[in-house]
Amino acid sequence: MIRPGLTFALWLALATLVVLNDIVADTWLAESLSARAIEWAKALVPLPYAVLLAVIHARRTAGPCWRDAALLAALLWTPSTVLVDFLYARLTFGEEPAAFLDRFAFWWGAPYPLLVLTVFAAPLVAGAALVRRN
């Protein structure tokens, strides 16, 4: 069953965690770690939380339309989370869009695409795993 309210509530929780994680990394961790380590912390800390929210979403939307619900979550959570992250960087530091897009430069080891791919794939994988288990 597709539950847009649940999908929105879980996305709101994910977006809140991503922004709070960015605040902690930019204030407390920035004093003692390098810029590359801060980028890794910003990408890796939300990963388990995103997977947990995807599992909650999969359990609550189990049924004949699980694939539609998982696809809805994947397609809505990913761009909106990136947008919230960009708005945080833009409003807090005045970061230009080009500087934000440098986070996607996986060829120099940027970890941000790992977070984006996890947010996209987690609802789909969790839904499929739940269906396979049952």
C-alpha atoms as a PDB file:
ATOM      1  CA  MET A   1       0.000   0.000   0.000  1.00  0.00           C
ATOM      2  CA  ILE A   2       1.335   3.437  -0.919  1.00  0.00           C
ATOM      3  CA  ARG A   3       1.381   5.781   2.055  1.00  0.00           C
ATOM      4  CA  PRO A   4       2.463   9.287   1.022  1.00  0.00           C
ATOM      5  CA  GLY A   5       2.157  10.631   4.563  1.00  0.00           C
ATOM      6  CA  LEU A   6       4.531   7.983   5.881  1.00  0.00           C
ATOM      7  CA  THR A   7       6.924   8.600   3.004  1.00  0.00           C
ATOM      8  CA  PHE A   8       6.943  12.325   3.768  1.00  0.00           C
ATOM      9  CA  ALA A   9       7.381  11.818   7.523  1.00  0.00           C
ATOM     10  CA  LEU A  10      10.331   9.469   7.011  1.00  0.00           C
ATOM     11  CA  TRP A  11      11.891  11.852   4.501  1.00  0.00           C
ATOM     12  CA  LEU A  12      11.503  14.699   6.990  1.00  0.00           C
ATOM     13  CA  ALA A  13      13.341  12.615   9.584  1.00  0.00           C
ATOM     14  CA  LEU A  14      16.100  11.845   7.061  1.00  0.00           C
ATOM     15  CA  ALA A  15      16.459  15.465   5.978  1.00  0.00           C
ATOM     16  CA  THR A  16      16.592  16.615   9.599  1.00  0.00           C
ATOM     17  CA  LEU A  17      19.350  14.125  10.389  1.00  0.00           C
ATOM     18  CA  VAL A  18      21.366  15.132   7.322  1.00  0.00           C
ATOM     19  CA  VAL A  19      21.199  18.817   8.229  1.00  0.00           C
ATOM     20  CA  LEU A  20      21.982  18.178  11.915  1.00  0.00           C
ATOM     21  CA  ASN A  21      24.896  15.978  10.898  1.00  0.00           C
ATOM     22  CA  ASP A  22      26.191  18.762   8.639  1.00  0.00           C
ATOM     23  CA  ILE A  23      25.902  21.257  11.500  1.00  0.00           C
ATOM     24  CA  VAL A  24      27.837  19.007  13.877  1.00  0.00           C
ATOM     25  CA  ALA A  25      30.496  18.250  11.265  1.00  0.00           C
ATOM     26  CA  ASP A  26      30.904  21.908  10.300  1.00  0.00           C
ATOM     27  CA  THR A  27      31.103  23.220  13.858  1.00  0.00           C
ATOM     28  CA  TRP A  28      32.529  20.674  16.284  1.00  0.00           C
ATOM     29  CA  LEU A  29      34.423  18.307  14.013  1.00  0.00           C
ATOM     30  CA  ALA A  30      35.880  20.991  11.734  1.00  0.00           C
ATOM     31  CA  GLU A  31      38.189  22.153  14.506  1.00  0.00           C
ATOM     32  CA  SER A  32      40.036  18.853  14.731  1.00  0.00           C
ATOM     33  CA  LEU A  33      39.650  17.072  11.374  1.00  0.00           C
ATOM     34  CA  SER A  34      40.716  17.761   7.817  1.00  0.00           C
ATOM     35  CA  ALA A  35      38.260  18.888   5.137  1.00  0.00           C
ATOM     36  CA  ARG A  36      38.311  15.453   3.503  1.00  0.00           C
ATOM     37  CA  ALA A  37      37.537  13.751   6.824  1.00  0.00           C
ATOM     38  CA  ILE A  38      34.627  16.148   7.345  1.00  0.00           C
ATOM     39  CA  GLU A  39      33.229  15.233   3.918  1.00  0.00           C
ATOM     40  CA  TRP A  40      33.474  11.534   4.786  1.00  0.00           C
ATOM     41  CA  ALA A  41      31.722  12.142   8.108  1.00  0.00           C
ATOM     42  CA  LYS A  42      28.940  14.051   6.348  1.00  0.00           C
ATOM     43  CA  ALA A  43      28.414  11.128   3.977  1.00  0.00           C
ATOM     44  CA  LEU A  44      28.886   8.097   6.226  1.00  0.00           C
ATOM     45  CA  VAL A  45      27.038   9.066   9.413  1.00  0.00           C
ATOM     46  CA  PRO A  46      23.553   9.282   7.786  1.00  0.00           C
ATOM     47  CA  LEU A  47      23.907   5.954   5.920  1.00  0.00           C
ATOM     48  CA  PRO A  48      22.673   3.611   8.690  1.00  0.00           C
ATOM     49  CA  TYR A  49      19.840   5.992   9.473  1.00  0.00           C
ATOM     50  CA  ALA A  50      18.767   6.082   5.814  1.00  0.00           C
ATOM     51  CA  VAL A  51      18.762   2.286   5.712  1.00  0.00           C
ATOM     52  CA  LEU A  52      16.774   2.118   8.949  1.00  0.00           C
ATOM     53  CA  LEU A  53      14.158   4.518   7.572  1.00  0.00           C
ATOM     54  CA  ALA A  54      13.979   2.482   4.362  1.00  0.00           C
ATOM     55  CA  VAL A  55      13.318  -0.678   6.376  1.00  0.00           C
ATOM     56  CA  ILE A  56      10.580   1.088   8.344  1.00  0.00           C
ATOM     57  CA  HIS A  57       9.097   2.287   5.059  1.00  0.00           C
ATOM     58  CA  ALA A  58       9.242  -1.216   3.562  1.00  0.00           C
ATOM     59  CA  ARG A  59       7.528  -2.788   6.568  1.00  0.00           C
ATOM     60  CA  ARG A  60       4.751  -0.196   6.602  1.00  0.00           C
ATOM     61  CA  THR A  61       4.115  -0.341   2.845  1.00  0.00           C
ATOM     62  CA  ALA A  62       4.314  -4.117   2.412  1.00  0.00           C
ATOM     63  CA  GLY A  63       1.689  -5.574   0.157  1.00  0.00           C
ATOM     64  CA  PRO A  64       0.839  -5.809  -3.505  1.00  0.00           C
ATOM     65  CA  CYS A  65       1.985  -2.240  -4.274  1.00  0.00           C
ATOM     66  CA  TRP A  66       5.287  -2.388  -2.396  1.00  0.00           C
ATOM     67  CA  ARG A  67       7.306  -1.672  -5.546  1.00  0.00           C
ATOM     68  CA  ASP A  68       5.337   1.506  -6.280  1.00  0.00           C
ATOM     69  CA  ALA A  69       5.766   2.713  -2.705  1.00  0.00           C
ATOM     70  CA  ALA A  70       9.501   1.958  -2.738  1.00  0.00           C
ATOM     71  CA  LEU A  71       9.954   3.698  -6.070  1.00  0.00           C
ATOM     72  CA  LEU A  72       8.029   6.709  -4.796  1.00  0.00           C
ATOM     73  CA  ALA A  73      10.281   6.911  -1.748  1.00  0.00           C
ATOM     74  CA  ALA A  74      13.453   6.477  -3.793  1.00  0.00           C
ATOM     75  CA  LEU A  75      12.494   9.089  -6.353  1.00  0.00           C
ATOM     76  CA  LEU A  76      11.300  11.632  -3.787  1.00  0.00           C
ATOM     77  CA  TRP A  77      13.863  11.173  -1.029  1.00  0.00           C
ATOM     78  CA  THR A  78      16.950  11.437  -3.209  1.00  0.00           C
ATOM     79  CA  PRO A  79      16.536  14.809  -4.961  1.00  0.00           C
ATOM     80  CA  SER A  80      14.814  16.459  -2.020  1.00  0.00           C
ATOM     81  CA  THR A  81      17.567  15.385   0.394  1.00  0.00           C
ATOM     82  CA  VAL A  82      20.203  16.744  -1.985  1.00  0.00           C
ATOM     83  CA  LEU A  83      18.201  19.968  -2.267  1.00  0.00           C
ATOM     84  CA  VAL A  84      17.961  20.339   1.518  1.00  0.00           C
ATOM     85  CA  ASP A  85      21.694  19.720   1.817  1.00  0.00           C
ATOM     86  CA  PHE A  86      22.382  22.338  -0.853  1.00  0.00           C
ATOM     87  CA  LEU A  87      20.078  24.867   0.828  1.00  0.00           C
ATOM     88  CA  TYR A  88      21.893  24.318   4.124  1.00  0.00           C
ATOM     89  CA  ALA A  89      25.264  24.972   2.486  1.00  0.00           C
ATOM     90  CA  ARG A  90      23.912  27.947   0.541  1.00  0.00           C
ATOM     91  CA  LEU A  91      22.180  29.644   3.474  1.00  0.00           C
ATOM     92  CA  THR A  92      24.866  28.902   6.052  1.00  0.00           C
ATOM     93  CA  PHE A  93      28.065  29.501   4.099  1.00  0.00           C
ATOM     94  CA  GLY A  94      26.880  31.219   0.921  1.00  0.00           C
ATOM     95  CA  GLU A  95      28.243  28.294  -1.069  1.00  0.00           C
ATOM     96  CA  GLU A  96      27.813  28.602  -4.820  1.00  0.00           C
ATOM     97  CA  PRO A  97      26.093  25.809  -6.796  1.00  0.00           C
ATOM     98  CA  ALA A  98      29.378  24.961  -8.532  1.00  0.00           C
ATOM     99  CA  ALA A  99      31.063  24.376  -5.178  1.00  0.00           C
ATOM    100  CA  PHE A 100      28.189  22.156  -4.086  1.00  0.00           C
ATOM    101  CA  LEU A 101      28.399  20.150  -7.305  1.00  0.00           C
ATOM    102  CA  ASP A 102      32.063  19.459  -6.508  1.00  0.00           C
ATOM    103  CA  ARG A 103      30.748  17.098  -3.812  1.00  0.00           C
ATOM    104  CA  PHE A 104      29.751  14.736  -6.638  1.00  0.00           C
ATOM    105  CA  ALA A 105      33.315  14.541  -7.991  1.00  0.00           C
ATOM    106  CA  PHE A 106      33.825  10.853  -7.277  1.00  0.00           C
ATOM    107  CA  TRP A 107      37.000  10.805  -9.399  1.00  0.00           C
ATOM    108  CA  TRP A 108      38.891  12.631  -6.621  1.00  0.00           C
ATOM    109  CA  GLY A 109      37.340  10.503  -3.905  1.00  0.00           C
ATOM    110  CA  ALA A 110      34.309  12.549  -2.907  1.00  0.00           C
ATOM    111  CA  PRO A 111      32.079  10.388  -0.704  1.00  0.00           C
ATOM    112  CA  TYR A 112      28.824  12.309  -1.268  1.00  0.00           C
ATOM    113  CA  PRO A 113      27.632  10.106  -4.180  1.00  0.00           C
ATOM    114  CA  LEU A 114      27.683   7.179  -1.751  1.00  0.00           C
ATOM    115  CA  LEU A 115      25.059   8.919   0.392  1.00  0.00           C
ATOM    116  CA  VAL A 116      22.932   9.801  -2.640  1.00  0.00           C
ATOM    117  CA  LEU A 117      23.069   6.250  -4.015  1.00  0.00           C
ATOM    118  CA  THR A 118      22.198   4.785  -0.625  1.00  0.00           C
ATOM    119  CA  VAL A 119      19.213   7.094  -0.185  1.00  0.00           C
ATOM    120  CA  PHE A 120      18.015   6.054  -3.647  1.00  0.00           C
ATOM    121  CA  ALA A 121      18.655   2.315  -3.372  1.00  0.00           C
ATOM    122  CA  ALA A 122      17.718   1.674   0.260  1.00  0.00           C
ATOM    123  CA  PRO A 123      13.904   1.772  -0.147  1.00  0.00           C
ATOM    124  CA  LEU A 124      14.074  -0.474  -3.213  1.00  0.00           C
ATOM    125  CA  VAL A 125      16.423  -3.002  -1.644  1.00  0.00           C
ATOM    126  CA  ALA A 126      14.558  -3.041   1.678  1.00  0.00           C
ATOM    127  CA  GLY A 127      11.222  -3.564  -0.066  1.00  0.00           C
ATOM    128  CA  ALA A 128      12.582  -6.364  -2.226  1.00  0.00           C
ATOM    129  CA  ALA A 129      14.258  -8.036   0.758  1.00  0.00           C
ATOM    130  CA  LEU A 130      11.046  -7.902   2.773  1.00  0.00           C
ATOM    131  CA  VAL A 131       9.037  -9.419  -0.056  1.00  0.00           C
ATOM    132  CA  ARG A 132      11.652 -12.122  -0.594  1.00  0.00           C
ATOM    133  CA  ARG A 133      11.676 -12.948   3.132  1.00  0.00           C
ATOM    134  CA  ASN A 134       7.917 -13.354   3.254  1.00  0.00           C
END
